[in-house]
C-alpha cells in the first residue's frame, strides 16, 4: 500500500523572538519545546535509554503489561492522536493491541525527526493510515477528520510525563484543549509521581552527561540557527529538585560574568545567573486526577508500577 500523504502544518519558528524575550526578562525562562531540533531530539532518545532515566523503561513495562486493557478502553476503529510523538517507540505497543484502528495522527514540533519515525512505522504497518502533523501540540491545530458516527472514537496518547513540563496552570489549559479535541473519546496520559529526590536527581544528572548536553544544546541551536555568540565555557547544566514546588528544575547557569550576543543585542550574565529551561512537575495520583477533572475529563483507571514511580491514566473526555 502506498502511504497516505503526510499532513504538514508549516509554522514560522518563534525561536528568535522567544529567546530574545527570555533573555530580556528576570528571571530568565524559555519554553522547553526549543530543546527539540534534530540534535536535541536525537539526544533525548539516548537519554531515554539511560539506566538512571526510569520513566521510559517503567512506562514501557506498564504498556506491555496492561496494553490489552488500554486497547479495550480505546476500542475498535479508533483514531489515535499522539501529542509530542518523538520516535514513536511507545505507541507501537498500543497499535499492536488495537483493533482495526481508523488512523494514527502523531504531532511533533521536530518535522524531520517525526517524518523519519513515521516512515519506519509505515513500513511496519503498511495498511495503517498515518497522518503526521508538524507543529506545536500545545496550540490548537487542524487535525484530520475524526471517525464517522458509528465508527470508533478519537483517543489521545500523551506518554512520557511531558505534562510535567507545564506549570499547573498550563497543564490545566492543555488538558482542557485536549478534552475539547477528543470529545466523546479519551486520553491515555503518562504522569511521573512524587518520589525520593535522590532518584530524581540521578535521572536528570546522568553519569554520561547526556542530559547536560541536551540542555546545553539549546544554546548550541541558537548558535547554529541564529548566529548567537557566547563563551564556550560560559554556561553549565544545572538540575535539582525543588521540593516545595514538587518539580525538577533545569537551568543553564552562568559560570562567570560574560555577555551573550543575539542578533546584535547583548545580554549580560553574572556568575550564578541562569536561563531556566525546563520544569518537570511530579504529581500524586489523587492530585492529577483532580486536575484532569477540573479540565473536563472524568478520571478512569490508573496503572502504576510496583514502586509507584510512574503512572498511566485513562481519562474519559466529555461527550461529543
Foldseek 3Di string as FASTA:
>chain_A
DPADDADEDDDDDPLQVQQVVQLPDPQREGELLLLDEPVLLVLVVVLLPDPLAPQNVFVLVLCQVCLLVVLVQQAAQEEEEEEQCRLVPSVVSNVVNHHHHVAYEYEHQHPVRVVVSVVVVCVVVVPHHYHYYHDHLLDDDDDPDGDDPVGGFYEYEYEDLPLQQDQLVSSLSSLLVVLVVRAAGWYKYKAFAQDDQVSVVCSCCPPVCSNFVSVCVSVVVCCVPFVKDDDPPQWTWDWGADVVQQKIWIWTFGQAWDWIDTPRDIRTDHHGRTNTYTIGHHHDPVRVCVSSVSSAWHWDDKDGDPVRRMIITMTGRHHD
